[in-house]
Amino acid sequence: MSFLDMIKKSVVEQFTSSLSTGDIFFSLLVAFAAAVIIAFIYKRTYTGVSYTKSFVLSLVLLAMVTSLVIRTINSNLALSLGMVGALSIVRFRTAVKDPVDTIFMFWAITAGIMSGAGLYLVTIIATLILGIFYTVSYMTAFHPTQKYLLVIKASKGYAEEIHSLMDKKKKCILKTESYKDKTVELTYELATKDTSRELDKLKNQKEVESIHLVSID
């Protein structure tokens, strides 16, 4: 037997000849459990502007589909080559705005790969350990001060009072100041962990018509 034939034989032997329903079901179940943990952590630590339920559901489906793909590739060499060819023509054009979303997608894919490869215990343990480390880092020094856009609409005569109040904040920058008729609209960029103080001082004033607070992180 030539050296080339030995390589071919070793490659073919890496693939199992059968794909049982039980293996598929258990791989999907483990991938689902890991994805639920990942989705829960994402929901609890989300700090963006527009939280979407569809993205969380996509994490669950992504892990399960990846698990199914890996399980199929492990079962048959011909199927694996066909799967690679089919996936090579798929193009994903959805823009991911937050880098953290990309990390969570990669995390879900990794959990699916480990589950599809039959590493069930490793999948759950690794997912829990990564979740603990990420949650701890989120709640401690790695979690930065939240940034907001504070939009205040008030009477013109009260503009100076608002300026003097906001100037006391260390991380507060006036972005826009717009006057119209008898009102003024002020927009501040505010970095703080607690916005209740600023809002409590402003919302009880008769001169203030409206207050809008928008997260920009």
N, C-alpha and C. Protein backbone atom coordinates (compact mmCIF):
# COMPACT_ATOMS: atom_id res chain seq x y z
N MET A 1 0.84 -1.19 0.00
CA MET A 1 0.00 0.00 0.00
C MET A 1 0.88 1.25 0.00
N SER A 2 0.61 2.16 -0.92
CA SER A 2 1.41 3.36 -1.03
C SER A 2 1.09 4.33 0.11
N PHE A 3 1.98 5.30 0.24
CA PHE A 3 1.79 6.31 1.30
C PHE A 3 0.53 7.12 1.06
N LEU A 4 0.22 7.40 -0.21
CA LEU A 4 -0.99 8.16 -0.53
C LEU A 4 -2.25 7.38 -0.16
N ASP A 5 -2.23 6.08 -0.40
CA ASP A 5 -3.37 5.24 -0.04
C ASP A 5 -3.55 5.18 1.47
N MET A 6 -2.46 5.20 2.19
CA MET A 6 -2.54 5.19 3.66
C MET A 6 -3.19 6.47 4.17
N ILE A 7 -2.87 7.59 3.54
CA ILE A 7 -3.47 8.87 3.94
C ILE A 7 -4.97 8.86 3.65
N LYS A 8 -5.34 8.36 2.46
CA LYS A 8 -6.75 8.29 2.11
C LYS A 8 -7.52 7.41 3.09
N LYS A 9 -6.93 6.28 3.46
CA LYS A 9 -7.60 5.36 4.37
C LYS A 9 -7.78 5.98 5.75
N SER A 10 -6.75 6.69 6.22
CA SER A 10 -6.84 7.30 7.55
C SER A 10 -7.89 8.40 7.59
N VAL A 11 -8.02 9.12 6.47
CA VAL A 11 -9.02 10.18 6.40
C VAL A 11 -10.42 9.61 6.41
N VAL A 12 -10.63 8.57 5.60
CA VAL A 12 -11.95 7.95 5.51
C VAL A 12 -12.36 7.34 6.84
N GLU A 13 -11.41 6.76 7.56
CA GLU A 13 -11.72 6.11 8.84
C GLU A 13 -12.14 7.09 9.92
N GLN A 14 -11.88 8.39 9.70
CA GLN A 14 -12.28 9.39 10.68
C GLN A 14 -13.79 9.61 10.68
N PHE A 15 -14.46 9.15 9.65
CA PHE A 15 -15.89 9.36 9.52
C PHE A 15 -16.64 8.07 9.86
N THR A 16 -17.67 8.20 10.65
CA THR A 16 -18.50 7.04 10.99
C THR A 16 -19.43 6.73 9.84
N SER A 17 -19.83 5.48 9.76
CA SER A 17 -20.66 5.06 8.63
C SER A 17 -22.14 5.30 8.86
N SER A 18 -22.56 5.50 10.09
CA SER A 18 -23.99 5.66 10.38
C SER A 18 -24.23 6.91 11.21
N LEU A 19 -25.43 7.42 11.10
CA LEU A 19 -25.83 8.62 11.85
C LEU A 19 -27.16 8.30 12.54
N SER A 20 -27.08 8.02 13.84
CA SER A 20 -28.27 7.59 14.56
C SER A 20 -29.13 8.78 14.95
N THR A 21 -30.43 8.51 15.07
CA THR A 21 -31.37 9.56 15.47
C THR A 21 -31.11 10.02 16.89
N GLY A 22 -30.70 9.09 17.75
CA GLY A 22 -30.41 9.45 19.14
C GLY A 22 -29.26 10.42 19.25
N ASP A 23 -28.20 10.20 18.47
CA ASP A 23 -27.05 11.11 18.50
C ASP A 23 -27.45 12.50 18.04
N ILE A 24 -28.25 12.58 16.99
CA ILE A 24 -28.69 13.88 16.48
C ILE A 24 -29.53 14.61 17.53
N PHE A 25 -30.47 13.88 18.12
CA PHE A 25 -31.36 14.49 19.12
C PHE A 25 -30.58 14.98 20.33
N PHE A 26 -29.64 14.16 20.81
CA PHE A 26 -28.88 14.55 21.99
C PHE A 26 -27.96 15.73 21.70
N SER A 27 -27.39 15.78 20.51
CA SER A 27 -26.54 16.92 20.13
C SER A 27 -27.36 18.21 20.07
N LEU A 28 -28.54 18.12 19.49
CA LEU A 28 -29.41 19.30 19.43
C LEU A 28 -29.87 19.73 20.82
N LEU A 29 -30.12 18.76 21.69
CA LEU A 29 -30.57 19.09 23.05
C LEU A 29 -29.48 19.80 23.83
N VAL A 30 -28.25 19.30 23.74
CA VAL A 30 -27.14 19.94 24.44
C VAL A 30 -26.85 21.32 23.86
N ALA A 31 -26.91 21.44 22.53
CA ALA A 31 -26.70 22.74 21.90
C ALA A 31 -27.78 23.73 22.33
N PHE A 32 -29.01 23.25 22.44
CA PHE A 32 -30.11 24.12 22.89
C PHE A 32 -29.88 24.58 24.32
N ALA A 33 -29.47 23.68 25.20
CA ALA A 33 -29.22 24.04 26.60
C ALA A 33 -28.11 25.07 26.71
N ALA A 34 -27.02 24.86 25.96
CA ALA A 34 -25.91 25.82 25.99
C ALA A 34 -26.34 27.17 25.42
N ALA A 35 -27.13 27.14 24.35
CA ALA A 35 -27.58 28.39 23.72
C ALA A 35 -28.53 29.16 24.64
N VAL A 36 -29.35 28.47 25.39
CA VAL A 36 -30.24 29.14 26.34
C VAL A 36 -29.43 29.88 27.40
N ILE A 37 -28.36 29.25 27.87
CA ILE A 37 -27.47 29.91 28.84
C ILE A 37 -26.85 31.15 28.23
N ILE A 38 -26.36 31.03 27.00
CA ILE A 38 -25.73 32.17 26.32
C ILE A 38 -26.74 33.29 26.10
N ALA A 39 -27.94 32.95 25.67
CA ALA A 39 -28.98 33.95 25.42
C ALA A 39 -29.39 34.65 26.71
N PHE A 40 -29.46 33.89 27.81
CA PHE A 40 -29.83 34.48 29.10
C PHE A 40 -28.77 35.49 29.55
N ILE A 41 -27.50 35.13 29.40
CA ILE A 41 -26.42 36.04 29.79
C ILE A 41 -26.44 37.29 28.91
N TYR A 42 -26.69 37.10 27.61
CA TYR A 42 -26.76 38.25 26.71
C TYR A 42 -27.88 39.20 27.11
N LYS A 43 -29.03 38.66 27.45
CA LYS A 43 -30.18 39.49 27.83
C LYS A 43 -29.91 40.24 29.13
N ARG A 44 -29.29 39.58 30.10
CA ARG A 44 -29.05 40.20 31.41
C ARG A 44 -27.95 41.26 31.36
N THR A 45 -27.03 41.14 30.42
CA THR A 45 -25.89 42.07 30.37
C THR A 45 -25.99 43.06 29.20
N TYR A 46 -27.11 43.07 28.50
CA TYR A 46 -27.24 43.94 27.33
C TYR A 46 -27.32 45.40 27.76
N THR A 47 -26.53 46.26 27.11
CA THR A 47 -26.50 47.69 27.44
C THR A 47 -26.69 48.58 26.21
N GLY A 48 -27.07 48.00 25.09
CA GLY A 48 -27.24 48.78 23.87
C GLY A 48 -28.53 49.58 23.85
N VAL A 49 -28.81 50.17 22.70
CA VAL A 49 -29.99 51.03 22.55
C VAL A 49 -31.23 50.21 22.21
N SER A 50 -31.13 49.33 21.22
CA SER A 50 -32.31 48.62 20.73
C SER A 50 -32.13 47.11 20.92
N TYR A 51 -32.69 46.60 21.99
CA TYR A 51 -32.66 45.16 22.25
C TYR A 51 -33.68 44.46 21.35
N THR A 52 -33.25 43.42 20.67
CA THR A 52 -34.15 42.71 19.77
C THR A 52 -34.26 41.25 20.19
N LYS A 53 -35.49 40.79 20.32
CA LYS A 53 -35.74 39.41 20.70
C LYS A 53 -35.29 38.46 19.59
N SER A 54 -35.36 38.92 18.35
CA SER A 54 -34.98 38.06 17.22
C SER A 54 -33.51 37.67 17.28
N PHE A 55 -32.64 38.57 17.77
CA PHE A 55 -31.21 38.24 17.87
C PHE A 55 -30.99 37.15 18.90
N VAL A 56 -31.69 37.21 20.02
CA VAL A 56 -31.56 36.19 21.05
C VAL A 56 -32.02 34.84 20.52
N LEU A 57 -33.13 34.82 19.80
CA LEU A 57 -33.61 33.58 19.19
C LEU A 57 -32.63 33.07 18.13
N SER A 58 -31.97 34.01 17.45
CA SER A 58 -30.98 33.62 16.44
C SER A 58 -29.79 32.90 17.08
N LEU A 59 -29.41 33.33 18.29
CA LEU A 59 -28.31 32.66 19.00
C LEU A 59 -28.65 31.20 19.27
N VAL A 60 -29.88 30.97 19.71
CA VAL A 60 -30.31 29.59 19.99
C VAL A 60 -30.32 28.76 18.72
N LEU A 61 -30.91 29.30 17.67
CA LEU A 61 -30.98 28.56 16.40
C LEU A 61 -29.60 28.36 15.79
N LEU A 62 -28.72 29.34 15.94
CA LEU A 62 -27.38 29.24 15.38
C LEU A 62 -26.60 28.10 16.00
N ALA A 63 -26.70 27.96 17.31
CA ALA A 63 -25.99 26.87 18.00
C ALA A 63 -26.54 25.51 17.56
N MET A 64 -27.85 25.39 17.44
CA MET A 64 -28.46 24.12 17.06
C MET A 64 -28.15 23.74 15.61
N VAL A 65 -28.20 24.71 14.71
CA VAL A 65 -27.88 24.44 13.31
C VAL A 65 -26.42 24.04 13.15
N THR A 66 -25.54 24.74 13.85
CA THR A 66 -24.11 24.40 13.79
C THR A 66 -23.87 22.99 14.30
N SER A 67 -24.56 22.64 15.38
CA SER A 67 -24.43 21.28 15.91
C SER A 67 -24.87 20.24 14.89
N LEU A 68 -25.95 20.51 14.20
CA LEU A 68 -26.45 19.58 13.19
C LEU A 68 -25.48 19.46 12.02
N VAL A 69 -24.89 20.59 11.62
CA VAL A 69 -23.91 20.57 10.53
C VAL A 69 -22.69 19.73 10.90
N ILE A 70 -22.15 19.95 12.10
CA ILE A 70 -20.96 19.20 12.53
C ILE A 70 -21.27 17.71 12.66
N ARG A 71 -22.46 17.39 13.18
CA ARG A 71 -22.85 15.99 13.30
C ARG A 71 -22.95 15.34 11.91
N THR A 72 -23.46 16.07 10.94
CA THR A 72 -23.57 15.55 9.58
C THR A 72 -22.20 15.36 8.94
N ILE A 73 -21.32 16.31 9.15
CA ILE A 73 -19.97 16.22 8.59
C ILE A 73 -19.22 15.02 9.18
N ASN A 74 -19.43 14.76 10.48
CA ASN A 74 -18.73 13.64 11.12
C ASN A 74 -19.25 12.28 10.66
N SER A 75 -20.42 12.25 10.06
CA SER A 75 -21.03 10.96 9.73
C SER A 75 -20.59 10.40 8.39
N ASN A 76 -20.32 11.29 7.43
CA ASN A 76 -20.06 10.79 6.08
C ASN A 76 -19.15 11.75 5.33
N LEU A 77 -18.15 11.21 4.67
CA LEU A 77 -17.19 12.04 3.95
C LEU A 77 -17.85 12.75 2.78
N ALA A 78 -18.69 12.04 2.04
CA ALA A 78 -19.35 12.67 0.88
C ALA A 78 -20.28 13.79 1.32
N LEU A 79 -21.02 13.56 2.41
CA LEU A 79 -21.90 14.60 2.93
C LEU A 79 -21.11 15.81 3.41
N SER A 80 -19.96 15.55 4.01
CA SER A 80 -19.16 16.66 4.52
C SER A 80 -18.65 17.55 3.39
N LEU A 81 -18.21 16.92 2.30
CA LEU A 81 -17.75 17.70 1.15
C LEU A 81 -18.89 18.49 0.53
N GLY A 82 -20.05 17.87 0.43
CA GLY A 82 -21.21 18.58 -0.10
C GLY A 82 -21.65 19.72 0.80
N MET A 83 -21.57 19.52 2.11
CA MET A 83 -21.95 20.57 3.05
C MET A 83 -21.00 21.76 2.96
N VAL A 84 -19.70 21.48 2.85
CA VAL A 84 -18.72 22.55 2.70
C VAL A 84 -18.98 23.34 1.43
N GLY A 85 -19.29 22.64 0.35
CA GLY A 85 -19.58 23.32 -0.91
C GLY A 85 -20.83 24.17 -0.83
N ALA A 86 -21.86 23.66 -0.14
CA ALA A 86 -23.11 24.42 -0.01
C ALA A 86 -22.92 25.66 0.86
N LEU A 87 -22.19 25.51 1.96
CA LEU A 87 -21.98 26.65 2.86
C LEU A 87 -21.06 27.70 2.25
N SER A 88 -20.23 27.30 1.30
CA SER A 88 -19.31 28.26 0.69
C SER A 88 -20.01 29.30 -0.17
N ILE A 89 -21.24 29.01 -0.60
CA ILE A 89 -21.96 29.96 -1.44
C ILE A 89 -22.91 30.84 -0.63
N VAL A 90 -23.00 30.59 0.67
CA VAL A 90 -23.88 31.38 1.53
C VAL A 90 -23.16 32.65 1.96
N ARG A 91 -23.82 33.77 1.79
CA ARG A 91 -23.23 35.05 2.18
C ARG A 91 -24.17 35.73 3.18
N PHE A 92 -23.58 36.14 4.32
CA PHE A 92 -24.35 36.83 5.35
C PHE A 92 -24.07 38.32 5.25
N ARG A 93 -25.12 39.09 4.98
CA ARG A 93 -24.96 40.52 4.77
C ARG A 93 -25.54 41.36 5.90
N THR A 94 -26.02 40.73 6.96
CA THR A 94 -26.58 41.48 8.08
C THR A 94 -25.46 42.16 8.85
N ALA A 95 -25.55 43.47 9.02
CA ALA A 95 -24.52 44.23 9.72
C ALA A 95 -24.70 44.08 11.22
N VAL A 96 -23.62 43.77 11.91
CA VAL A 96 -23.64 43.68 13.38
C VAL A 96 -23.04 44.96 13.92
N LYS A 97 -23.86 45.77 14.60
CA LYS A 97 -23.43 47.09 15.05
C LYS A 97 -22.54 47.02 16.29
N ASP A 98 -22.85 46.12 17.20
CA ASP A 98 -22.12 46.03 18.46
C ASP A 98 -21.12 44.87 18.39
N PRO A 99 -19.83 45.11 18.68
CA PRO A 99 -18.85 44.02 18.66
C PRO A 99 -19.20 42.90 19.63
N VAL A 100 -19.88 43.22 20.72
CA VAL A 100 -20.27 42.20 21.69
C VAL A 100 -21.24 41.20 21.05
N ASP A 101 -22.11 41.67 20.16
CA ASP A 101 -23.03 40.78 19.47
C ASP A 101 -22.27 39.75 18.63
N THR A 102 -21.19 40.19 18.00
CA THR A 102 -20.36 39.28 17.21
C THR A 102 -19.74 38.20 18.08
N ILE A 103 -19.27 38.59 19.28
CA ILE A 103 -18.68 37.63 20.20
C ILE A 103 -19.71 36.60 20.65
N PHE A 104 -20.93 37.05 20.92
CA PHE A 104 -21.97 36.11 21.35
C PHE A 104 -22.34 35.16 20.21
N MET A 105 -22.34 35.64 18.98
CA MET A 105 -22.61 34.76 17.85
C MET A 105 -21.50 33.71 17.72
N PHE A 106 -20.26 34.12 17.86
CA PHE A 106 -19.13 33.17 17.80
C PHE A 106 -19.20 32.19 18.96
N TRP A 107 -19.63 32.66 20.12
CA TRP A 107 -19.80 31.79 21.29
C TRP A 107 -20.85 30.72 21.01
N ALA A 108 -21.97 31.12 20.42
CA ALA A 108 -23.04 30.16 20.09
C ALA A 108 -22.55 29.15 19.06
N ILE A 109 -21.80 29.61 18.06
CA ILE A 109 -21.26 28.69 17.04
C ILE A 109 -20.30 27.69 17.67
N THR A 110 -19.43 28.16 18.58
CA THR A 110 -18.48 27.28 19.25
C THR A 110 -19.19 26.22 20.07
N ALA A 111 -20.25 26.64 20.79
CA ALA A 111 -21.03 25.66 21.56
C ALA A 111 -21.67 24.63 20.64
N GLY A 112 -22.15 25.08 19.49
CA GLY A 112 -22.73 24.14 18.53
C GLY A 112 -21.71 23.17 17.97
N ILE A 113 -20.48 23.66 17.71
CA ILE A 113 -19.43 22.79 17.19
C ILE A 113 -19.07 21.71 18.21
N MET A 114 -18.90 22.10 19.47
CA MET A 114 -18.53 21.13 20.50
C MET A 114 -19.64 20.11 20.71
N SER A 115 -20.89 20.58 20.67
CA SER A 115 -22.02 19.66 20.83
C SER A 115 -22.12 18.69 19.66
N GLY A 116 -21.92 19.19 18.44
CA GLY A 116 -21.97 18.33 17.27
C GLY A 116 -20.84 17.32 17.23
N ALA A 117 -19.71 17.68 17.87
CA ALA A 117 -18.57 16.76 17.91
C ALA A 117 -18.71 15.71 19.01
N GLY A 118 -19.80 15.80 19.79
CA GLY A 118 -20.02 14.81 20.84
C GLY A 118 -19.43 15.16 22.18
N LEU A 119 -18.89 16.37 22.32
CA LEU A 119 -18.30 16.80 23.59
C LEU A 119 -19.39 17.45 24.45
N TYR A 120 -20.32 16.66 24.91
CA TYR A 120 -21.50 17.19 25.58
C TYR A 120 -21.17 17.84 26.92
N LEU A 121 -20.43 17.13 27.75
CA LEU A 121 -20.09 17.67 29.07
C LEU A 121 -19.20 18.90 28.95
N VAL A 122 -18.25 18.84 28.02
CA VAL A 122 -17.36 19.98 27.80
C VAL A 122 -18.16 21.20 27.33
N THR A 123 -19.17 20.98 26.51
CA THR A 123 -20.00 22.08 26.00
C THR A 123 -20.67 22.83 27.14
N ILE A 124 -21.31 22.09 28.05
CA ILE A 124 -22.03 22.73 29.15
C ILE A 124 -21.07 23.39 30.13
N ILE A 125 -20.00 22.68 30.49
CA ILE A 125 -19.05 23.23 31.46
C ILE A 125 -18.37 24.48 30.91
N ALA A 126 -17.92 24.41 29.64
CA ALA A 126 -17.25 25.56 29.03
C ALA A 126 -18.19 26.76 28.92
N THR A 127 -19.45 26.50 28.57
CA THR A 127 -20.42 27.59 28.47
C THR A 127 -20.66 28.25 29.81
N LEU A 128 -20.78 27.45 30.87
CA LEU A 128 -20.99 28.00 32.21
C LEU A 128 -19.77 28.80 32.69
N ILE A 129 -18.57 28.26 32.44
CA ILE A 129 -17.36 28.96 32.88
C ILE A 129 -17.21 30.29 32.15
N LEU A 130 -17.40 30.28 30.83
CA LEU A 130 -17.32 31.53 30.06
C LEU A 130 -18.39 32.51 30.52
N GLY A 131 -19.59 32.01 30.81
CA GLY A 131 -20.66 32.88 31.28
C GLY A 131 -20.33 33.53 32.61
N ILE A 132 -19.74 32.76 33.52
CA ILE A 132 -19.36 33.30 34.83
C ILE A 132 -18.29 34.37 34.68
N PHE A 133 -17.27 34.09 33.88
CA PHE A 133 -16.19 35.06 33.69
C PHE A 133 -16.71 36.35 33.04
N TYR A 134 -17.58 36.19 32.05
CA TYR A 134 -18.11 37.38 31.37
C TYR A 134 -18.99 38.20 32.30
N THR A 135 -19.84 37.53 33.08
CA THR A 135 -20.73 38.25 34.00
C THR A 135 -19.94 38.98 35.08
N VAL A 136 -18.90 38.33 35.60
CA VAL A 136 -18.06 38.98 36.63
C VAL A 136 -17.36 40.20 36.05
N SER A 137 -16.81 40.06 34.85
CA SER A 137 -16.12 41.19 34.23
C SER A 137 -17.10 42.33 33.91
N TYR A 138 -18.32 41.97 33.55
CA TYR A 138 -19.35 42.97 33.26
C TYR A 138 -19.72 43.76 34.51
N MET A 139 -19.81 43.09 35.63
CA MET A 139 -20.27 43.72 36.86
C MET A 139 -19.16 44.44 37.62
N THR A 140 -17.90 44.24 37.22
CA THR A 140 -16.79 44.86 37.96
C THR A 140 -16.07 45.90 37.11
N ALA A 141 -14.77 45.86 37.12
CA ALA A 141 -13.98 46.95 36.53
C ALA A 141 -14.09 47.03 35.02
N PHE A 142 -14.43 45.95 34.36
CA PHE A 142 -14.49 45.97 32.91
C PHE A 142 -15.75 46.62 32.38
N HIS A 143 -16.71 46.88 33.24
CA HIS A 143 -17.96 47.50 32.81
C HIS A 143 -17.83 49.01 32.92
N PRO A 144 -17.80 49.75 31.81
CA PRO A 144 -17.56 51.19 31.85
C PRO A 144 -18.80 51.95 32.29
N THR A 145 -18.58 53.23 32.57
CA THR A 145 -19.68 54.12 32.89
C THR A 145 -20.59 54.28 31.68
N GLN A 146 -21.88 54.22 31.91
CA GLN A 146 -22.85 54.31 30.83
C GLN A 146 -22.92 55.73 30.28
N LYS A 147 -23.05 55.86 28.95
CA LYS A 147 -23.17 57.16 28.31
C LYS A 147 -24.60 57.37 27.83
N TYR A 148 -25.08 58.61 27.98
CA TYR A 148 -26.44 58.94 27.61
C TYR A 148 -26.46 60.25 26.83
N LEU A 149 -27.53 60.41 26.06
CA LEU A 149 -27.88 61.70 25.48
C LEU A 149 -29.10 62.20 26.25
N LEU A 150 -28.95 63.35 26.90
CA LEU A 150 -30.02 63.94 27.68
C LEU A 150 -30.57 65.14 26.93
N VAL A 151 -31.81 65.03 26.49
CA VAL A 151 -32.46 66.10 25.72
C VAL A 151 -33.51 66.77 26.61
N ILE A 152 -33.33 68.06 26.83
CA ILE A 152 -34.20 68.81 27.73
C ILE A 152 -34.88 69.93 26.95
N LYS A 153 -36.19 70.00 27.04
CA LYS A 153 -36.96 71.07 26.42
C LYS A 153 -37.59 71.89 27.54
N ALA A 154 -37.25 73.20 27.56
CA ALA A 154 -37.72 74.06 28.65
C ALA A 154 -37.94 75.48 28.13
N SER A 155 -38.40 76.34 29.00
CA SER A 155 -38.59 77.74 28.63
C SER A 155 -37.24 78.43 28.52
N LYS A 156 -37.18 79.50 27.69
CA LYS A 156 -35.91 80.19 27.45
C LYS A 156 -35.30 80.73 28.73
N GLY A 157 -36.13 81.25 29.60
CA GLY A 157 -35.61 81.85 30.83
C GLY A 157 -34.97 80.86 31.78
N TYR A 158 -35.24 79.58 31.57
CA TYR A 158 -34.70 78.57 32.48
C TYR A 158 -33.43 77.92 31.93
N ALA A 159 -32.97 78.37 30.76
CA ALA A 159 -31.79 77.77 30.13
C ALA A 159 -30.53 77.91 30.99
N GLU A 160 -30.34 79.10 31.58
CA GLU A 160 -29.15 79.32 32.39
C GLU A 160 -29.15 78.43 33.63
N GLU A 161 -30.32 78.20 34.21
CA GLU A 161 -30.40 77.32 35.37
C GLU A 161 -30.00 75.89 35.00
N ILE A 162 -30.42 75.47 33.82
CA ILE A 162 -30.06 74.12 33.38
C ILE A 162 -28.56 74.02 33.13
N HIS A 163 -28.00 75.07 32.51
CA HIS A 163 -26.55 75.08 32.26
C HIS A 163 -25.76 74.99 33.56
N SER A 164 -26.14 75.77 34.53
CA SER A 164 -25.42 75.77 35.80
C SER A 164 -25.55 74.43 36.52
N LEU A 165 -26.71 73.80 36.36
CA LEU A 165 -26.91 72.48 36.99
C LEU A 165 -26.06 71.42 36.32
N MET A 166 -26.02 71.42 34.98
CA MET A 166 -25.28 70.39 34.26
C MET A 166 -23.78 70.62 34.30
N ASP A 167 -23.35 71.89 34.47
CA ASP A 167 -21.92 72.18 34.55
C ASP A 167 -21.27 71.59 35.79
N LYS A 168 -22.07 71.26 36.78
CA LYS A 168 -21.54 70.66 37.99
C LYS A 168 -21.11 69.21 37.77
N LYS A 169 -21.61 68.62 36.69
CA LYS A 169 -21.22 67.25 36.37
C LYS A 169 -19.86 67.24 35.69
N LYS A 170 -19.00 66.31 36.09
CA LYS A 170 -17.65 66.25 35.53
C LYS A 170 -17.67 65.76 34.08
N LYS A 171 -18.48 64.79 33.80
CA LYS A 171 -18.51 64.20 32.46
C LYS A 171 -19.82 64.54 31.78
N CYS A 172 -19.99 65.81 31.51
CA CYS A 172 -21.21 66.30 30.86
C CYS A 172 -20.82 67.35 29.82
N ILE A 173 -21.20 67.11 28.56
CA ILE A 173 -20.82 68.00 27.46
C ILE A 173 -22.08 68.47 26.75
N LEU A 174 -22.19 69.78 26.54
CA LEU A 174 -23.31 70.33 25.78
C LEU A 174 -23.07 70.09 24.30
N LYS A 175 -24.00 69.38 23.65
CA LYS A 175 -23.87 69.05 22.24
C LYS A 175 -24.60 70.04 21.35
N THR A 176 -25.86 70.29 21.64
CA THR A 176 -26.64 71.22 20.83
C THR A 176 -27.49 72.11 21.73
N GLU A 177 -27.80 73.30 21.20
CA GLU A 177 -28.65 74.26 21.91
C GLU A 177 -29.52 74.95 20.86
N SER A 178 -30.80 74.65 20.87
CA SER A 178 -31.72 75.13 19.84
C SER A 178 -32.83 75.96 20.48
N TYR A 179 -33.03 77.18 19.95
CA TYR A 179 -34.07 78.09 20.46
C TYR A 179 -35.20 78.19 19.44
N LYS A 180 -36.44 78.17 19.95
CA LYS A 180 -37.61 78.33 19.11
C LYS A 180 -38.72 78.98 19.91
N ASP A 181 -39.18 80.13 19.42
CA ASP A 181 -40.23 80.89 20.10
C ASP A 181 -39.84 81.13 21.56
N LYS A 182 -40.59 80.53 22.48
CA LYS A 182 -40.32 80.75 23.90
C LYS A 182 -39.65 79.55 24.57
N THR A 183 -39.22 78.61 23.78
CA THR A 183 -38.61 77.39 24.35
C THR A 183 -37.18 77.20 23.85
N VAL A 184 -36.45 76.39 24.57
CA VAL A 184 -35.08 76.03 24.22
C VAL A 184 -34.94 74.52 24.37
N GLU A 185 -34.20 73.92 23.45
CA GLU A 185 -33.94 72.48 23.51
C GLU A 185 -32.43 72.26 23.64
N LEU A 186 -32.03 71.65 24.73
CA LEU A 186 -30.62 71.43 25.05
C LEU A 186 -30.32 69.93 25.01
N THR A 187 -29.21 69.58 24.37
CA THR A 187 -28.80 68.18 24.29
C THR A 187 -27.42 68.04 24.92
N TYR A 188 -27.32 67.17 25.92
CA TYR A 188 -26.07 66.93 26.64
C TYR A 188 -25.64 65.48 26.45
N GLU A 189 -24.33 65.29 26.37
CA GLU A 189 -23.76 63.94 26.44
C GLU A 189 -23.30 63.72 27.88
N LEU A 190 -23.88 62.71 28.52
CA LEU A 190 -23.69 62.52 29.95
C LEU A 190 -23.15 61.13 30.21
N ALA A 191 -22.09 61.04 30.99
CA ALA A 191 -21.50 59.76 31.38
C ALA A 191 -21.68 59.60 32.88
N THR A 192 -22.49 58.64 33.26
CA THR A 192 -22.80 58.45 34.68
C THR A 192 -23.32 57.03 34.91
N LYS A 193 -23.25 56.59 36.13
CA LYS A 193 -23.80 55.29 36.51
C LYS A 193 -25.21 55.42 37.06
N ASP A 194 -25.60 56.64 37.45
CA ASP A 194 -26.92 56.86 38.02
C ASP A 194 -27.46 58.18 37.51
N THR A 195 -28.56 58.13 36.76
CA THR A 195 -29.15 59.34 36.18
C THR A 195 -30.32 59.88 37.00
N SER A 196 -30.64 59.21 38.09
CA SER A 196 -31.83 59.59 38.85
C SER A 196 -31.69 60.99 39.45
N ARG A 197 -30.48 61.38 39.86
CA ARG A 197 -30.29 62.69 40.47
C ARG A 197 -30.59 63.81 39.48
N GLU A 198 -30.02 63.68 38.28
CA GLU A 198 -30.25 64.73 37.28
C GLU A 198 -31.73 64.82 36.90
N LEU A 199 -32.36 63.69 36.73
CA LEU A 199 -33.75 63.69 36.32
C LEU A 199 -34.66 64.21 37.42
N ASP A 200 -34.38 63.86 38.66
CA ASP A 200 -35.22 64.31 39.77
C ASP A 200 -35.18 65.83 39.92
N LYS A 201 -34.02 66.42 39.67
CA LYS A 201 -33.90 67.87 39.82
C LYS A 201 -34.61 68.62 38.70
N LEU A 202 -34.72 67.99 37.54
CA LEU A 202 -35.30 68.68 36.39
C LEU A 202 -36.79 68.41 36.20
N LYS A 203 -37.21 67.19 36.44
CA LYS A 203 -38.59 66.84 36.11
C LYS A 203 -39.62 67.52 37.02
N ASN A 204 -39.19 68.00 38.18
CA ASN A 204 -40.11 68.67 39.10
C ASN A 204 -40.22 70.17 38.86
N GLN A 205 -39.48 70.68 37.88
CA GLN A 205 -39.51 72.11 37.57
C GLN A 205 -40.63 72.41 36.58
N LYS A 206 -41.39 73.45 36.85
CA LYS A 206 -42.50 73.83 35.97
C LYS A 206 -42.00 74.32 34.61
N GLU A 207 -40.80 74.91 34.60
CA GLU A 207 -40.26 75.46 33.36
C GLU A 207 -39.82 74.37 32.38
N VAL A 208 -39.65 73.15 32.84
CA VAL A 208 -39.19 72.04 31.99
C VAL A 208 -40.41 71.35 31.38
N GLU A 209 -40.48 71.35 30.04
CA GLU A 209 -41.61 70.74 29.35
C GLU A 209 -41.44 69.24 29.16
N SER A 210 -40.23 68.82 28.77
CA SER A 210 -40.00 67.38 28.54
C SER A 210 -38.54 67.05 28.72
N ILE A 211 -38.29 65.78 29.05
CA ILE A 211 -36.94 65.26 29.22
C ILE A 211 -36.85 63.91 28.52
N HIS A 212 -35.83 63.76 27.69
CA HIS A 212 -35.61 62.49 26.99
C HIS A 212 -34.19 62.00 27.30
N LEU A 213 -34.10 60.74 27.70
CA LEU A 213 -32.80 60.14 28.04
C LEU A 213 -32.58 58.94 27.13
N VAL A 214 -31.49 58.98 26.33
CA VAL A 214 -31.22 57.92 25.36
C VAL A 214 -29.83 57.36 25.60
N SER A 215 -29.75 56.04 25.75
CA SER A 215 -28.46 55.39 25.91
C SER A 215 -27.75 55.34 24.57
N ILE A 216 -26.43 55.63 24.57
CA ILE A 216 -25.66 55.64 23.33
C ILE A 216 -24.55 54.61 23.38
N ASP A 217 -24.55 53.70 24.34
CA ASP A 217 -23.57 52.61 24.42
C ASP A 217 -24.19 51.33 23.95
